[in-house]
Amino acid sequence: MSRWRVTLEYDGSGFVGWQRQDNGLSVQQVLEEAVAGFAQERVTLFAAGRTDSGVHALGQVAHFDLQKKTDALTVRDALNFHCKPHPVAVLAAETVPDDFHARFSATRRHYLFRILNRRAPPVLDAGRVWHVPAPLDAAAMHAAAQLLVGQHDFSSFRAAECQAESPVKTLDALTVSRMAEEIHVTAAARSFLHNQIRILAGTLRLVGEGKWPTGRVHDALEARDRSAAGPTAPPAGLYLAKVDY
């Protein structure tokens, strides 16, 4: 029996999320069925982050145990073959120690939120960015974001259905930068609350549009009340970019 770690890229638009559910196709189901097609074994995949419906991944990490003896290139290529035609790709595969766990061994998760900031709607990137036609001040958004870095009670930035035991999280980094017509919001932390990054992005948009002064973001944080923060941004712009171990 060998434990395999795989690094994944996927377009989350057509999935109900990472985790298997009864109401539609999940990324987990596609990969587990790909393993069955390749190795004739029923396995369970465990991911570093249970991305929601519509959320994408550039560097999701998952692990599973396999009895079949094989090599890394074969695992990668065979899984990619059996994932077709779904928009899921295994970028790399490697064996890891038996105590490795994609979720619990992770030390930091990095997310990217893409905002397309132009009047014209997206065509090639439809479903992969949040389209905000009003001009955004990326510098003001970045300044406001720095008020949220560190350990805080993020009750104002968690979904009502969040199942985390505590709203206290340590946000290692939160940056906002402009890349031509796009605004990129990047966040790094060991773990996040449900919808935390999407609520952060929705709140920072209000600053970027000039509807909120920078200090109101701090006020929202201190309120520890979801109604004090901005709206939840749509999932289309969110990507799990990388996981550190």
C-alpha atoms as a PDB file:
ATOM      1  CA  MET A   1       0.000   0.000   0.000  1.00  0.00           C
ATOM      2  CA  SER A   2       1.380   3.399  -1.024  1.00  0.00           C
ATOM      3  CA  ARG A   3       0.121   6.889  -0.210  1.00  0.00           C
ATOM      4  CA  TRP A   4       0.002   9.213  -3.198  1.00  0.00           C
ATOM      5  CA  ARG A   5      -0.034  12.993  -3.211  1.00  0.00           C
ATOM      6  CA  VAL A   6      -1.415  14.692  -6.319  1.00  0.00           C
ATOM      7  CA  THR A   7      -1.389  18.369  -7.291  1.00  0.00           C
ATOM      8  CA  LEU A   8      -4.486  19.403  -9.203  1.00  0.00           C
ATOM      9  CA  GLU A   9      -5.822  22.099 -11.481  1.00  0.00           C
ATOM     10  CA  TYR A  10      -9.532  22.406 -12.201  1.00  0.00           C
ATOM     11  CA  ASP A  11     -12.276  24.686 -13.420  1.00  0.00           C
ATOM     12  CA  GLY A  12     -14.913  24.589 -10.702  1.00  0.00           C
ATOM     13  CA  SER A  13     -17.706  26.100 -12.802  1.00  0.00           C
ATOM     14  CA  GLY A  14     -19.571  22.876 -13.485  1.00  0.00           C
ATOM     15  CA  PHE A  15     -19.023  21.181 -10.129  1.00  0.00           C
ATOM     16  CA  VAL A  16     -20.936  21.259  -6.845  1.00  0.00           C
ATOM     17  CA  GLY A  17     -17.541  21.774  -5.201  1.00  0.00           C
ATOM     18  CA  TRP A  18     -14.687  19.514  -4.161  1.00  0.00           C
ATOM     19  CA  GLN A  19     -16.654  17.231  -1.856  1.00  0.00           C
ATOM     20  CA  ARG A  20     -18.979  14.466  -2.993  1.00  0.00           C
ATOM     21  CA  GLN A  21     -22.632  15.482  -2.755  1.00  0.00           C
ATOM     22  CA  ASP A  22     -25.960  14.008  -3.778  1.00  0.00           C
ATOM     23  CA  ASN A  23     -27.012  17.027  -5.846  1.00  0.00           C
ATOM     24  CA  GLY A  24     -24.411  16.910  -8.592  1.00  0.00           C
ATOM     25  CA  LEU A  25     -20.918  16.080  -9.778  1.00  0.00           C
ATOM     26  CA  SER A  26     -17.934  16.944  -7.565  1.00  0.00           C
ATOM     27  CA  VAL A  27     -14.208  17.130  -8.260  1.00  0.00           C
ATOM     28  CA  GLN A  28     -13.656  14.409  -5.654  1.00  0.00           C
ATOM     29  CA  GLN A  29     -16.026  12.066  -7.483  1.00  0.00           C
ATOM     30  CA  VAL A  30     -14.287  12.618 -10.826  1.00  0.00           C
ATOM     31  CA  LEU A  31     -10.900  11.780  -9.351  1.00  0.00           C
ATOM     32  CA  GLU A  32     -12.085   8.782  -7.348  1.00  0.00           C
ATOM     33  CA  GLU A  33     -13.718   7.366 -10.456  1.00  0.00           C
ATOM     34  CA  ALA A  34     -10.510   8.056 -12.393  1.00  0.00           C
ATOM     35  CA  VAL A  35      -8.524   6.039  -9.840  1.00  0.00           C
ATOM     36  CA  ALA A  36     -11.053   3.210 -10.150  1.00  0.00           C
ATOM     37  CA  GLY A  37     -10.739   3.297 -13.923  1.00  0.00           C
ATOM     38  CA  PHE A  38      -6.960   3.200 -13.758  1.00  0.00           C
ATOM     39  CA  ALA A  39      -6.271   0.855 -10.845  1.00  0.00           C
ATOM     40  CA  GLN A  40      -9.619  -0.946 -10.363  1.00  0.00           C
ATOM     41  CA  GLU A  41      -9.585   0.175  -6.732  1.00  0.00           C
ATOM     42  CA  ARG A  42     -12.155   2.154  -4.764  1.00  0.00           C
ATOM     43  CA  VAL A  43     -10.366   4.907  -2.863  1.00  0.00           C
ATOM     44  CA  THR A  44     -11.225   8.093  -0.974  1.00  0.00           C
ATOM     45  CA  LEU A  45      -9.381  11.288  -1.839  1.00  0.00           C
ATOM     46  CA  PHE A  46      -8.697  13.875   0.853  1.00  0.00           C
ATOM     47  CA  ALA A  47      -8.032  17.468  -0.243  1.00  0.00           C
ATOM     48  CA  ALA A  48      -6.172  20.389   1.297  1.00  0.00           C
ATOM     49  CA  GLY A  49      -9.217  22.612   0.818  1.00  0.00           C
ATOM     50  CA  ARG A  50     -12.865  21.756   0.225  1.00  0.00           C
ATOM     51  CA  THR A  51     -13.510  24.348  -2.456  1.00  0.00           C
ATOM     52  CA  ASP A  52     -17.125  25.415  -2.969  1.00  0.00           C
ATOM     53  CA  SER A  53     -19.196  25.212  -6.122  1.00  0.00           C
ATOM     54  CA  GLY A  54     -17.764  27.474  -8.815  1.00  0.00           C
ATOM     55  CA  VAL A  55     -14.369  27.887  -7.111  1.00  0.00           C
ATOM     56  CA  HIS A  56     -11.303  26.939  -9.153  1.00  0.00           C
ATOM     57  CA  ALA A  57      -7.879  25.510  -8.336  1.00  0.00           C
ATOM     58  CA  LEU A  58      -4.407  26.144  -9.680  1.00  0.00           C
ATOM     59  CA  GLY A  59      -2.630  24.026  -7.071  1.00  0.00           C
ATOM     60  CA  GLN A  60      -5.068  21.957  -5.039  1.00  0.00           C
ATOM     61  CA  VAL A  61      -3.424  19.040  -3.228  1.00  0.00           C
ATOM     62  CA  ALA A  62      -5.060  15.707  -2.426  1.00  0.00           C
ATOM     63  CA  HIS A  63      -3.936  12.297  -1.246  1.00  0.00           C
ATOM     64  CA  PHE A  64      -5.139   8.719  -1.490  1.00  0.00           C
ATOM     65  CA  ASP A  65      -3.883   5.217  -0.734  1.00  0.00           C
ATOM     66  CA  LEU A  66      -3.292   2.729  -3.533  1.00  0.00           C
ATOM     67  CA  GLN A  67      -2.450  -0.968  -3.443  1.00  0.00           C
ATOM     68  CA  LYS A  68      -1.439  -1.118  -7.083  1.00  0.00           C
ATOM     69  CA  LYS A  69       2.307  -0.860  -7.690  1.00  0.00           C
ATOM     70  CA  THR A  70       3.039   1.882 -10.202  1.00  0.00           C
ATOM     71  CA  ASP A  71       5.140   4.994 -10.782  1.00  0.00           C
ATOM     72  CA  ALA A  72       4.493   8.724 -10.580  1.00  0.00           C
ATOM     73  CA  LEU A  73       4.320   9.417 -14.310  1.00  0.00           C
ATOM     74  CA  THR A  74       1.870   6.576 -14.828  1.00  0.00           C
ATOM     75  CA  VAL A  75      -0.361   7.817 -12.000  1.00  0.00           C
ATOM     76  CA  ARG A  76      -0.403  11.341 -13.407  1.00  0.00           C
ATOM     77  CA  ASP A  77      -1.051  10.340 -17.014  1.00  0.00           C
ATOM     78  CA  ALA A  78      -3.551   7.580 -16.227  1.00  0.00           C
ATOM     79  CA  LEU A  79      -5.617   9.830 -13.978  1.00  0.00           C
ATOM     80  CA  ASN A  80      -5.638  12.561 -16.608  1.00  0.00           C
ATOM     81  CA  PHE A  81      -6.829  10.063 -19.191  1.00  0.00           C
ATOM     82  CA  HIS A  82      -9.666   8.849 -16.973  1.00  0.00           C
ATOM     83  CA  CYS A  83     -10.662  12.377 -15.874  1.00  0.00           C
ATOM     84  CA  LYS A  84     -11.689  13.230 -19.444  1.00  0.00           C
ATOM     85  CA  PRO A  85     -13.806  15.074 -20.488  1.00  0.00           C
ATOM     86  CA  HIS A  86     -14.070  16.888 -17.168  1.00  0.00           C
ATOM     87  CA  PRO A  87     -11.970  20.045 -16.615  1.00  0.00           C
ATOM     88  CA  VAL A  88      -9.671  18.430 -14.055  1.00  0.00           C
ATOM     89  CA  ALA A  89      -5.931  17.910 -14.538  1.00  0.00           C
ATOM     90  CA  VAL A  90      -3.348  16.166 -12.371  1.00  0.00           C
ATOM     91  CA  LEU A  91      -0.221  18.312 -12.632  1.00  0.00           C
ATOM     92  CA  ALA A  92       2.030  16.068 -10.555  1.00  0.00           C
ATOM     93  CA  ALA A  93       1.961  12.856  -8.525  1.00  0.00           C
ATOM     94  CA  GLU A  94       4.377  11.532  -5.928  1.00  0.00           C
ATOM     95  CA  THR A  95       4.522   8.988  -3.125  1.00  0.00           C
ATOM     96  CA  VAL A  96       4.551  10.376   0.405  1.00  0.00           C
ATOM     97  CA  PRO A  97       4.932   8.922   3.910  1.00  0.00           C
ATOM     98  CA  ASP A  98       1.917   7.208   5.429  1.00  0.00           C
ATOM     99  CA  ASP A  99       1.449  10.005   7.952  1.00  0.00           C
ATOM    100  CA  PHE A 100       1.042  12.677   5.263  1.00  0.00           C
ATOM    101  CA  HIS A 101      -2.445  14.185   5.117  1.00  0.00           C
ATOM    102  CA  ALA A 102      -3.369  16.710   2.430  1.00  0.00           C
ATOM    103  CA  ARG A 103      -5.546  18.684   4.839  1.00  0.00           C
ATOM    104  CA  PHE A 104      -3.974  18.290   8.269  1.00  0.00           C
ATOM    105  CA  SER A 105      -0.318  18.393   7.170  1.00  0.00           C
ATOM    106  CA  ALA A 106      -0.764  21.712   5.349  1.00  0.00           C
ATOM    107  CA  THR A 107       0.955  24.703   6.961  1.00  0.00           C
ATOM    108  CA  ARG A 108      -0.398  27.455   4.692  1.00  0.00           C
ATOM    109  CA  ARG A 109      -2.938  27.888   1.932  1.00  0.00           C
ATOM    110  CA  HIS A 110      -2.670  30.568  -0.744  1.00  0.00           C
ATOM    111  CA  TYR A 111      -5.716  31.914  -2.577  1.00  0.00           C
ATOM    112  CA  LEU A 112      -6.107  34.270  -5.523  1.00  0.00           C
ATOM    113  CA  PHE A 113      -9.230  36.292  -6.264  1.00  0.00           C
ATOM    114  CA  ARG A 114      -9.420  37.793  -9.753  1.00  0.00           C
ATOM    115  CA  ILE A 115     -11.533  40.881 -10.452  1.00  0.00           C
ATOM    116  CA  LEU A 116     -11.908  42.000 -14.056  1.00  0.00           C
ATOM    117  CA  ASN A 117     -12.131  45.776 -13.766  1.00  0.00           C
ATOM    118  CA  ARG A 118     -13.348  47.156 -17.101  1.00  0.00           C
ATOM    119  CA  ARG A 119     -16.609  48.216 -18.698  1.00  0.00           C
ATOM    120  CA  ALA A 120     -16.748  45.379 -21.215  1.00  0.00           C
ATOM    121  CA  PRO A 121     -17.842  41.988 -19.842  1.00  0.00           C
ATOM    122  CA  PRO A 122     -15.530  38.965 -19.930  1.00  0.00           C
ATOM    123  CA  VAL A 123     -15.780  36.560 -22.836  1.00  0.00           C
ATOM    124  CA  LEU A 124     -12.739  34.289 -22.737  1.00  0.00           C
ATOM    125  CA  ASP A 125     -12.645  34.463 -18.924  1.00  0.00           C
ATOM    126  CA  ALA A 126     -16.390  34.236 -18.338  1.00  0.00           C
ATOM    127  CA  GLY A 127     -16.963  32.188 -15.191  1.00  0.00           C
ATOM    128  CA  ARG A 128     -13.350  32.658 -14.109  1.00  0.00           C
ATOM    129  CA  VAL A 129     -13.355  36.280 -12.907  1.00  0.00           C
ATOM    130  CA  TRP A 130     -15.633  38.645 -11.005  1.00  0.00           C
ATOM    131  CA  HIS A 131     -16.609  41.397 -13.418  1.00  0.00           C
ATOM    132  CA  VAL A 132     -16.719  44.814 -11.726  1.00  0.00           C
ATOM    133  CA  PRO A 133     -17.244  47.566 -14.341  1.00  0.00           C
ATOM    134  CA  ALA A 134     -16.881  50.559 -11.976  1.00  0.00           C
ATOM    135  CA  PRO A 135     -13.286  51.840 -11.619  1.00  0.00           C
ATOM    136  CA  LEU A 136     -11.472  50.442  -8.577  1.00  0.00           C
ATOM    137  CA  ASP A 137      -8.653  52.043  -6.603  1.00  0.00           C
ATOM    138  CA  ALA A 138      -6.308  49.109  -5.992  1.00  0.00           C
ATOM    139  CA  ALA A 139      -4.033  51.166  -3.713  1.00  0.00           C
ATOM    140  CA  ALA A 140      -6.933  52.066  -1.416  1.00  0.00           C
ATOM    141  CA  MET A 141      -8.062  48.445  -1.369  1.00  0.00           C
ATOM    142  CA  HIS A 142      -4.557  47.294  -0.441  1.00  0.00           C
ATOM    143  CA  ALA A 143      -4.315  49.843   2.373  1.00  0.00           C
ATOM    144  CA  ALA A 144      -7.631  48.634   3.785  1.00  0.00           C
ATOM    145  CA  ALA A 145      -6.543  45.012   3.447  1.00  0.00           C
ATOM    146  CA  GLN A 146      -3.575  45.616   5.759  1.00  0.00           C
ATOM    147  CA  LEU A 147      -5.992  46.339   8.610  1.00  0.00           C
ATOM    148  CA  LEU A 148      -7.116  42.713   8.406  1.00  0.00           C
ATOM    149  CA  VAL A 149      -3.698  41.032   8.502  1.00  0.00           C
ATOM    150  CA  GLY A 150      -2.846  39.195  11.715  1.00  0.00           C
ATOM    151  CA  GLN A 151      -4.840  37.262  14.274  1.00  0.00           C
ATOM    152  CA  HIS A 152      -8.409  38.482  14.641  1.00  0.00           C
ATOM    153  CA  ASP A 153     -11.942  37.379  15.349  1.00  0.00           C
ATOM    154  CA  PHE A 154     -13.265  37.248  11.780  1.00  0.00           C
ATOM    155  CA  SER A 155     -16.940  36.761  12.706  1.00  0.00           C
ATOM    156  CA  SER A 156     -17.858  39.596  10.328  1.00  0.00           C
ATOM    157  CA  PHE A 157     -16.189  37.716   7.473  1.00  0.00           C
ATOM    158  CA  ARG A 158     -17.617  34.222   7.855  1.00  0.00           C
ATOM    159  CA  ALA A 159     -20.696  32.645   6.307  1.00  0.00           C
ATOM    160  CA  ALA A 160     -23.660  31.940   8.555  1.00  0.00           C
ATOM    161  CA  GLU A 161     -23.296  28.213   7.843  1.00  0.00           C
ATOM    162  CA  CYS A 162     -19.575  28.170   8.711  1.00  0.00           C
ATOM    163  CA  GLN A 163     -18.813  25.105  10.844  1.00  0.00           C
ATOM    164  CA  ALA A 164     -15.438  26.243  12.227  1.00  0.00           C
ATOM    165  CA  GLU A 165     -15.252  25.923  16.006  1.00  0.00           C
ATOM    166  CA  SER A 166     -13.727  29.395  16.380  1.00  0.00           C
ATOM    167  CA  PRO A 167     -13.944  32.584  14.282  1.00  0.00           C
ATOM    168  CA  VAL A 168     -10.384  33.475  15.306  1.00  0.00           C
ATOM    169  CA  LYS A 169      -7.931  33.061  12.436  1.00  0.00           C
ATOM    170  CA  THR A 170      -4.470  34.371  11.618  1.00  0.00           C
ATOM    171  CA  LEU A 171      -4.311  36.014   8.214  1.00  0.00           C
ATOM    172  CA  ASP A 172      -0.630  35.909   7.245  1.00  0.00           C
ATOM    173  CA  ALA A 173      -0.957  38.108   4.168  1.00  0.00           C
ATOM    174  CA  LEU A 174      -3.631  39.968   2.222  1.00  0.00           C
ATOM    175  CA  THR A 175      -2.554  41.996  -0.799  1.00  0.00           C
ATOM    176  CA  VAL A 176      -4.327  43.857  -3.579  1.00  0.00           C
ATOM    177  CA  SER A 177      -2.603  44.769  -6.833  1.00  0.00           C
ATOM    178  CA  ARG A 178      -3.563  45.805 -10.334  1.00  0.00           C
ATOM    179  CA  MET A 179      -2.484  43.714 -13.308  1.00  0.00           C
ATOM    180  CA  ALA A 180      -3.619  45.684 -16.390  1.00  0.00           C
ATOM    181  CA  GLU A 181      -7.421  45.300 -16.425  1.00  0.00           C
ATOM    182  CA  GLU A 182      -7.467  42.927 -13.467  1.00  0.00           C
ATOM    183  CA  ILE A 183      -7.362  43.470  -9.725  1.00  0.00           C
ATOM    184  CA  HIS A 184      -5.727  40.552  -7.899  1.00  0.00           C
ATOM    185  CA  VAL A 185      -6.508  39.907  -4.251  1.00  0.00           C
ATOM    186  CA  THR A 186      -4.150  37.334  -2.729  1.00  0.00           C
ATOM    187  CA  ALA A 187      -4.525  35.805   0.717  1.00  0.00           C
ATOM    188  CA  ALA A 188      -2.396  33.402   2.735  1.00  0.00           C
ATOM    189  CA  ALA A 189      -3.163  31.658   6.017  1.00  0.00           C
ATOM    190  CA  ARG A 190      -2.998  28.233   7.601  1.00  0.00           C
ATOM    191  CA  SER A 191      -6.778  27.989   7.295  1.00  0.00           C
ATOM    192  CA  PHE A 192      -9.784  30.132   6.425  1.00  0.00           C
ATOM    193  CA  LEU A 193     -13.403  30.413   7.510  1.00  0.00           C
ATOM    194  CA  HIS A 194     -16.209  29.491   5.118  1.00  0.00           C
ATOM    195  CA  ASN A 195     -16.526  32.231   2.475  1.00  0.00           C
ATOM    196  CA  GLN A 196     -13.934  34.376   4.301  1.00  0.00           C
ATOM    197  CA  ILE A 197     -11.994  35.346   1.188  1.00  0.00           C
ATOM    198  CA  ARG A 198     -15.124  36.045  -0.848  1.00  0.00           C
ATOM    199  CA  ILE A 199     -16.461  38.331   1.889  1.00  0.00           C
ATOM    200  CA  LEU A 200     -13.085  40.047   2.151  1.00  0.00           C
ATOM    201  CA  ALA A 201     -13.124  40.638  -1.616  1.00  0.00           C
ATOM    202  CA  GLY A 202     -16.685  41.951  -1.516  1.00  0.00           C
ATOM    203  CA  THR A 203     -15.794  44.320   1.306  1.00  0.00           C
ATOM    204  CA  LEU A 204     -12.616  45.594  -0.342  1.00  0.00           C
ATOM    205  CA  ARG A 205     -14.567  46.309  -3.506  1.00  0.00           C
ATOM    206  CA  LEU A 206     -16.599  48.877  -1.553  1.00  0.00           C
ATOM    207  CA  VAL A 207     -13.357  50.607  -0.601  1.00  0.00           C
ATOM    208  CA  GLY A 208     -12.091  50.452  -4.184  1.00  0.00           C
ATOM    209  CA  GLU A 209     -15.260  52.110  -5.473  1.00  0.00           C
ATOM    210  CA  GLY A 210     -14.990  54.863  -2.872  1.00  0.00           C
ATOM    211  CA  LYS A 211     -18.201  53.812  -1.120  1.00  0.00           C
ATOM    212  CA  TRP A 212     -16.340  52.981   2.102  1.00  0.00           C
ATOM    213  CA  PRO A 213     -13.446  54.842   3.746  1.00  0.00           C
ATOM    214  CA  THR A 214     -10.500  52.666   4.678  1.00  0.00           C
ATOM    215  CA  GLY A 215     -11.264  52.827   8.393  1.00  0.00           C
ATOM    216  CA  ARG A 216     -14.694  51.303   7.971  1.00  0.00           C
ATOM    217  CA  VAL A 217     -13.043  47.955   7.219  1.00  0.00           C
ATOM    218  CA  HIS A 218     -11.504  48.019  10.694  1.00  0.00           C
ATOM    219  CA  ASP A 219     -14.899  48.947  12.147  1.00  0.00           C
ATOM    220  CA  ALA A 220     -16.465  45.981  10.371  1.00  0.00           C
ATOM    221  CA  LEU A 221     -13.815  43.669  11.780  1.00  0.00           C
ATOM    222  CA  GLU A 222     -14.332  44.957  15.317  1.00  0.00           C
ATOM    223  CA  ALA A 223     -18.115  44.591  15.044  1.00  0.00           C
ATOM    224  CA  ARG A 224     -17.818  40.782  14.908  1.00  0.00           C
ATOM    225  CA  ASP A 225     -21.116  40.759  13.044  1.00  0.00           C
ATOM    226  CA  ARG A 226     -21.602  39.492   9.478  1.00  0.00           C
ATOM    227  CA  SER A 227     -24.005  42.354   8.684  1.00  0.00           C
ATOM    228  CA  ALA A 228     -21.204  44.874   9.318  1.00  0.00           C
ATOM    229  CA  ALA A 229     -19.036  43.652   6.419  1.00  0.00           C
ATOM    230  CA  GLY A 230     -19.591  43.885   2.668  1.00  0.00           C
ATOM    231  CA  PRO A 231     -21.343  41.405   0.366  1.00  0.00           C
ATOM    232  CA  THR A 232     -20.025  37.972  -0.501  1.00  0.00           C
ATOM    233  CA  ALA A 233     -18.252  38.084  -3.859  1.00  0.00           C
ATOM    234  CA  PRO A 234     -19.243  35.387  -6.397  1.00  0.00           C
ATOM    235  CA  PRO A 235     -17.180  32.188  -6.490  1.00  0.00           C
ATOM    236  CA  ALA A 236     -16.074  32.594 -10.113  1.00  0.00           C
ATOM    237  CA  GLY A 237     -13.069  34.762  -9.261  1.00  0.00           C
ATOM    238  CA  LEU A 238     -11.648  32.542  -6.508  1.00  0.00           C
ATOM    239  CA  TYR A 239      -8.757  30.112  -6.970  1.00  0.00           C
ATOM    240  CA  LEU A 240      -6.912  27.858  -4.544  1.00  0.00           C
ATOM    241  CA  ALA A 241      -3.476  28.755  -5.832  1.00  0.00           C
ATOM    242  CA  LYS A 242      -0.985  26.799  -3.728  1.00  0.00           C
ATOM    243  CA  VAL A 243      -0.627  24.776  -0.547  1.00  0.00           C
ATOM    244  CA  ASP A 244       2.493  24.740   1.622  1.00  0.00           C
ATOM    245  CA  TYR A 245       3.672  21.759   3.657  1.00  0.00           C
END
